[in-house]
Amino acid sequence: MSRTSRFSSLTLASAIGLLSVGVALADGGRAMPQPVPPPYIQECASCHTAYPPGLLPARSWQRIMAGLDRHYGTDASLDAATTQQLDAWLQAHAGTYKRVTSEPPDDRITRLAWFERKHRKIESAVWALPSVKSAANCAACHAGADQGRFDDDNLRLPAGLTPPQRQTWQD
């Protein structure tokens, strides 16, 4: 390989590397980091959306993992090895970007300022619909929630919306 070809290959590899870092940062920490530990899907996602760890700061994840015996009204206890594995993964990928500037009340993603701002037009009756159940059920409206995709372009309307609620949804 000539010196020019090696330089071109190195330049191309560097550009691809920088682009991939830019894409990773552009998602704002919401994308699900890979690989996902199997217990995260088996244990956590069996009851609710497998939230990308970047949606909460490290301290919130610490409290959540330390309180699994009283996890939002449910005993979600895990064995010590699994708890340690998941805690390490959550800490390594916890949110540090501008949307996660503080710990939300009760360590709830739905109580973060950006979440409340993005969902401010949604009536409380919508959260109570059988097709939604609660604000924590991201997958009710965000088809890619389990991969950390929450963009507004791919929203689906939950069943049971009234005509006025549908109109608000489309605004």
C-alpha atoms as a PDB file:
ATOM      1  CA  MET A   1       0.000   0.000   0.000  1.00  0.00           C
ATOM      2  CA  SER A   2       1.405   3.373  -0.949  1.00  0.00           C
ATOM      3  CA  ARG A   3       1.970   6.138   1.556  1.00  0.00           C
ATOM      4  CA  THR A   4      -0.891   8.151   0.005  1.00  0.00           C
ATOM      5  CA  SER A   5      -3.273   5.167   0.225  1.00  0.00           C
ATOM      6  CA  ARG A   6      -2.343   4.574   3.882  1.00  0.00           C
ATOM      7  CA  PHE A   7      -2.895   8.257   4.640  1.00  0.00           C
ATOM      8  CA  SER A   8      -6.279   8.203   2.871  1.00  0.00           C
ATOM      9  CA  SER A   9      -7.331   5.046   4.726  1.00  0.00           C
ATOM     10  CA  LEU A  10      -6.244   6.530   8.051  1.00  0.00           C
ATOM     11  CA  THR A  11      -8.074   9.777   7.305  1.00  0.00           C
ATOM     12  CA  LEU A  12     -11.233   7.895   6.352  1.00  0.00           C
ATOM     13  CA  ALA A  13     -11.055   5.712   9.486  1.00  0.00           C
ATOM     14  CA  SER A  14     -10.556   8.793  11.661  1.00  0.00           C
ATOM     15  CA  ALA A  15     -13.490  10.572  10.041  1.00  0.00           C
ATOM     16  CA  ILE A  16     -15.757   7.560  10.577  1.00  0.00           C
ATOM     17  CA  GLY A  17     -14.629   7.333  14.200  1.00  0.00           C
ATOM     18  CA  LEU A  18     -15.343  11.006  14.825  1.00  0.00           C
ATOM     19  CA  LEU A  19     -18.703  10.736  13.090  1.00  0.00           C
ATOM     20  CA  SER A  20     -19.727   7.803  15.270  1.00  0.00           C
ATOM     21  CA  VAL A  21     -18.756   9.734  18.405  1.00  0.00           C
ATOM     22  CA  GLY A  22     -20.811  12.670  17.125  1.00  0.00           C
ATOM     23  CA  VAL A  23     -23.818  10.416  16.562  1.00  0.00           C
ATOM     24  CA  ALA A  24     -23.464   8.939  20.045  1.00  0.00           C
ATOM     25  CA  LEU A  25     -23.383  12.410  21.571  1.00  0.00           C
ATOM     26  CA  ALA A  26     -26.183  13.704  19.352  1.00  0.00           C
ATOM     27  CA  ASP A  27     -28.689  11.291  20.881  1.00  0.00           C
ATOM     28  CA  GLY A  28     -28.309  13.210  24.139  1.00  0.00           C
ATOM     29  CA  GLY A  29     -27.589  10.066  26.136  1.00  0.00           C
ATOM     30  CA  ARG A  30     -31.004   8.566  25.405  1.00  0.00           C
ATOM     31  CA  ALA A  31     -29.919   5.692  23.165  1.00  0.00           C
ATOM     32  CA  MET A  32     -29.698   2.301  24.803  1.00  0.00           C
ATOM     33  CA  PRO A  33     -25.983   1.542  25.264  1.00  0.00           C
ATOM     34  CA  GLN A  34     -24.907  -1.801  23.854  1.00  0.00           C
ATOM     35  CA  PRO A  35     -24.520  -4.479  24.919  1.00  0.00           C
ATOM     36  CA  VAL A  36     -27.448  -4.491  27.309  1.00  0.00           C
ATOM     37  CA  PRO A  37     -26.932  -6.949  30.154  1.00  0.00           C
ATOM     38  CA  PRO A  38     -29.489  -9.774  29.744  1.00  0.00           C
ATOM     39  CA  PRO A  39     -30.778  -9.351  33.328  1.00  0.00           C
ATOM     40  CA  TYR A  40     -31.749  -5.745  32.507  1.00  0.00           C
ATOM     41  CA  ILE A  41     -34.162  -6.979  29.870  1.00  0.00           C
ATOM     42  CA  GLN A  42     -35.231 -10.090  31.819  1.00  0.00           C
ATOM     43  CA  GLU A  43     -35.822  -8.323  35.123  1.00  0.00           C
ATOM     44  CA  CYS A  44     -36.424  -4.622  34.542  1.00  0.00           C
ATOM     45  CA  ALA A  45     -38.128  -4.712  31.152  1.00  0.00           C
ATOM     46  CA  SER A  46     -40.484  -7.465  32.267  1.00  0.00           C
ATOM     47  CA  CYS A  47     -42.452  -4.853  34.243  1.00  0.00           C
ATOM     48  CA  HIS A  48     -41.818  -1.547  32.459  1.00  0.00           C
ATOM     49  CA  THR A  49     -39.910   0.079  29.624  1.00  0.00           C
ATOM     50  CA  ALA A  50     -36.218  -0.750  29.729  1.00  0.00           C
ATOM     51  CA  TYR A  51     -35.218   2.855  30.258  1.00  0.00           C
ATOM     52  CA  PRO A  52     -31.896   3.924  28.761  1.00  0.00           C
ATOM     53  CA  PRO A  53     -29.594   4.659  31.717  1.00  0.00           C
ATOM     54  CA  GLY A  54     -28.779   8.093  30.300  1.00  0.00           C
ATOM     55  CA  LEU A  55     -32.233   9.322  31.290  1.00  0.00           C
ATOM     56  CA  LEU A  56     -31.265   9.535  34.972  1.00  0.00           C
ATOM     57  CA  PRO A  57     -28.151  10.718  36.795  1.00  0.00           C
ATOM     58  CA  ALA A  58     -25.887   8.194  38.527  1.00  0.00           C
ATOM     59  CA  ARG A  59     -27.086   9.084  42.036  1.00  0.00           C
ATOM     60  CA  SER A  60     -30.708   8.310  41.064  1.00  0.00           C
ATOM     61  CA  TRP A  61     -29.704   4.899  39.704  1.00  0.00           C
ATOM     62  CA  GLN A  62     -27.781   4.220  42.922  1.00  0.00           C
ATOM     63  CA  ARG A  63     -30.860   4.881  45.027  1.00  0.00           C
ATOM     64  CA  ILE A  64     -33.096   2.840  42.729  1.00  0.00           C
ATOM     65  CA  MET A  65     -30.760  -0.163  42.840  1.00  0.00           C
ATOM     66  CA  ALA A  66     -30.322   0.140  46.623  1.00  0.00           C
ATOM     67  CA  GLY A  67     -34.095   0.160  47.116  1.00  0.00           C
ATOM     68  CA  LEU A  68     -35.240  -2.694  44.880  1.00  0.00           C
ATOM     69  CA  ASP A  69     -37.076  -4.270  47.821  1.00  0.00           C
ATOM     70  CA  ARG A  70     -39.438  -1.276  47.699  1.00  0.00           C
ATOM     71  CA  HIS A  71     -39.231  -0.365  43.995  1.00  0.00           C
ATOM     72  CA  TYR A  72     -42.128   2.073  43.549  1.00  0.00           C
ATOM     73  CA  GLY A  73     -44.424  -0.099  45.664  1.00  0.00           C
ATOM     74  CA  THR A  74     -43.166  -3.472  44.421  1.00  0.00           C
ATOM     75  CA  ASP A  75     -40.513  -5.853  45.688  1.00  0.00           C
ATOM     76  CA  ALA A  76     -38.137  -6.106  42.726  1.00  0.00           C
ATOM     77  CA  SER A  77     -35.261  -7.612  44.716  1.00  0.00           C
ATOM     78  CA  LEU A  78     -32.488  -9.359  42.806  1.00  0.00           C
ATOM     79  CA  ASP A  79     -29.601 -11.511  43.940  1.00  0.00           C
ATOM     80  CA  ALA A  80     -26.458  -9.612  44.951  1.00  0.00           C
ATOM     81  CA  ALA A  81     -24.435 -10.544  41.840  1.00  0.00           C
ATOM     82  CA  THR A  82     -27.187  -9.396  39.445  1.00  0.00           C
ATOM     83  CA  THR A  83     -27.747  -6.204  41.422  1.00  0.00           C
ATOM     84  CA  GLN A  84     -24.020  -5.452  41.292  1.00  0.00           C
ATOM     85  CA  GLN A  85     -23.834  -6.164  37.535  1.00  0.00           C
ATOM     86  CA  LEU A  86     -26.807  -3.930  36.708  1.00  0.00           C
ATOM     87  CA  ASP A  87     -25.701  -1.170  39.066  1.00  0.00           C
ATOM     88  CA  ALA A  88     -22.251  -1.065  37.439  1.00  0.00           C
ATOM     89  CA  TRP A  89     -23.796  -0.893  33.948  1.00  0.00           C
ATOM     90  CA  LEU A  90     -26.282   1.820  34.964  1.00  0.00           C
ATOM     91  CA  GLN A  91     -23.521   3.861  36.633  1.00  0.00           C
ATOM     92  CA  ALA A  92     -21.268   3.560  33.582  1.00  0.00           C
ATOM     93  CA  HIS A  93     -24.016   4.874  31.298  1.00  0.00           C
ATOM     94  CA  ALA A  94     -25.887   7.262  33.595  1.00  0.00           C
ATOM     95  CA  GLY A  95     -26.953  10.634  32.251  1.00  0.00           C
ATOM     96  CA  THR A  96     -24.499  13.478  32.324  1.00  0.00           C
ATOM     97  CA  TYR A  97     -25.880  15.643  29.528  1.00  0.00           C
ATOM     98  CA  LYS A  98     -27.839  18.872  29.739  1.00  0.00           C
ATOM     99  CA  ARG A  99     -31.267  17.254  30.205  1.00  0.00           C
ATOM    100  CA  VAL A 100     -30.088  15.402  33.283  1.00  0.00           C
ATOM    101  CA  THR A 101     -28.826  18.306  35.331  1.00  0.00           C
ATOM    102  CA  SER A 102     -30.410  17.303  38.617  1.00  0.00           C
ATOM    103  CA  GLU A 103     -31.933  14.341  40.399  1.00  0.00           C
ATOM    104  CA  PRO A 104     -35.700  14.284  39.848  1.00  0.00           C
ATOM    105  CA  PRO A 105     -38.149  13.970  42.747  1.00  0.00           C
ATOM    106  CA  ASP A 106     -38.481  10.334  43.801  1.00  0.00           C
ATOM    107  CA  ASP A 107     -35.910   9.464  41.094  1.00  0.00           C
ATOM    108  CA  ARG A 108     -38.714   9.334  38.529  1.00  0.00           C
ATOM    109  CA  ILE A 109     -37.928  10.017  34.879  1.00  0.00           C
ATOM    110  CA  THR A 110     -41.458  11.401  34.537  1.00  0.00           C
ATOM    111  CA  ARG A 111     -40.616  14.104  37.089  1.00  0.00           C
ATOM    112  CA  LEU A 112     -37.611  15.462  35.202  1.00  0.00           C
ATOM    113  CA  ALA A 113     -38.087  19.042  33.985  1.00  0.00           C
ATOM    114  CA  TRP A 114     -37.495  18.136  30.320  1.00  0.00           C
ATOM    115  CA  PHE A 115     -40.026  15.272  30.510  1.00  0.00           C
ATOM    116  CA  GLU A 116     -42.669  17.545  32.005  1.00  0.00           C
ATOM    117  CA  ARG A 117     -41.950  20.240  29.410  1.00  0.00           C
ATOM    118  CA  LYS A 118     -42.162  17.797  26.473  1.00  0.00           C
ATOM    119  CA  HIS A 119     -45.445  16.319  27.752  1.00  0.00           C
ATOM    120  CA  ARG A 120     -47.081  19.489  29.097  1.00  0.00           C
ATOM    121  CA  LYS A 121     -50.016  19.363  26.641  1.00  0.00           C
ATOM    122  CA  ILE A 122     -51.008  15.813  27.539  1.00  0.00           C
ATOM    123  CA  GLU A 123     -54.054  15.744  29.793  1.00  0.00           C
ATOM    124  CA  SER A 124     -53.961  13.606  32.931  1.00  0.00           C
ATOM    125  CA  ALA A 125     -56.883  11.607  31.490  1.00  0.00           C
ATOM    126  CA  VAL A 126     -54.599  10.395  28.678  1.00  0.00           C
ATOM    127  CA  TRP A 127     -52.118   8.926  31.182  1.00  0.00           C
ATOM    128  CA  ALA A 128     -55.018   7.006  32.770  1.00  0.00           C
ATOM    129  CA  LEU A 129     -56.227   5.405  29.514  1.00  0.00           C
ATOM    130  CA  PRO A 130     -56.091   1.574  29.584  1.00  0.00           C
ATOM    131  CA  SER A 131     -53.809   1.699  26.526  1.00  0.00           C
ATOM    132  CA  VAL A 132     -51.362   4.001  28.368  1.00  0.00           C
ATOM    133  CA  LYS A 133     -51.775   3.283  32.122  1.00  0.00           C
ATOM    134  CA  SER A 134     -49.205   5.870  33.272  1.00  0.00           C
ATOM    135  CA  ALA A 135     -46.680   8.460  32.167  1.00  0.00           C
ATOM    136  CA  ALA A 136     -43.982   5.858  32.800  1.00  0.00           C
ATOM    137  CA  ASN A 137     -45.268   3.671  29.949  1.00  0.00           C
ATOM    138  CA  CYS A 138     -43.192   5.306  27.218  1.00  0.00           C
ATOM    139  CA  ALA A 139     -43.845   2.454  24.788  1.00  0.00           C
ATOM    140  CA  ALA A 140     -47.551   3.332  24.688  1.00  0.00           C
ATOM    141  CA  CYS A 141     -46.719   6.243  22.392  1.00  0.00           C
ATOM    142  CA  HIS A 142     -43.026   5.875  21.491  1.00  0.00           C
ATOM    143  CA  ALA A 143     -42.590   2.749  19.371  1.00  0.00           C
ATOM    144  CA  GLY A 144     -38.795   2.800  19.771  1.00  0.00           C
ATOM    145  CA  ALA A 145     -38.717   3.477  23.512  1.00  0.00           C
ATOM    146  CA  ASP A 146     -36.938   0.215  24.299  1.00  0.00           C
ATOM    147  CA  GLN A 147     -34.041   1.344  22.081  1.00  0.00           C
ATOM    148  CA  GLY A 148     -34.073   4.871  23.482  1.00  0.00           C
ATOM    149  CA  ARG A 149     -35.866   6.414  20.493  1.00  0.00           C
ATOM    150  CA  PHE A 150     -38.318   9.036  21.694  1.00  0.00           C
ATOM    151  CA  ASP A 151     -38.468  11.335  18.677  1.00  0.00           C
ATOM    152  CA  ASP A 152     -41.705  13.161  17.886  1.00  0.00           C
ATOM    153  CA  ASP A 153     -41.729  11.972  14.281  1.00  0.00           C
ATOM    154  CA  ASN A 154     -42.614   8.383  15.138  1.00  0.00           C
ATOM    155  CA  LEU A 155     -45.319   8.801  17.736  1.00  0.00           C
ATOM    156  CA  ARG A 156     -48.331   6.554  17.717  1.00  0.00           C
ATOM    157  CA  LEU A 157     -51.662   7.658  19.094  1.00  0.00           C
ATOM    158  CA  PRO A 158     -52.807   5.494  21.990  1.00  0.00           C
ATOM    159  CA  ALA A 159     -56.226   3.875  21.760  1.00  0.00           C
ATOM    160  CA  GLY A 160     -59.068   5.686  23.478  1.00  0.00           C
ATOM    161  CA  LEU A 161     -58.203   9.314  22.723  1.00  0.00           C
ATOM    162  CA  THR A 162     -61.171  11.649  22.396  1.00  0.00           C
ATOM    163  CA  PRO A 163     -61.385  13.866  19.273  1.00  0.00           C
ATOM    164  CA  PRO A 164     -60.120  16.943  21.190  1.00  0.00           C
ATOM    165  CA  GLN A 165     -57.217  14.906  22.614  1.00  0.00           C
ATOM    166  CA  ARG A 166     -56.373  13.665  19.099  1.00  0.00           C
ATOM    167  CA  GLN A 167     -56.271  17.281  17.898  1.00  0.00           C
ATOM    168  CA  THR A 168     -53.930  18.307  20.721  1.00  0.00           C
ATOM    169  CA  TRP A 169     -51.764  15.307  19.888  1.00  0.00           C
ATOM    170  CA  GLN A 170     -51.400  16.403  16.281  1.00  0.00           C
ATOM    171  CA  ASP A 171     -50.574  20.059  17.077  1.00  0.00           C
END
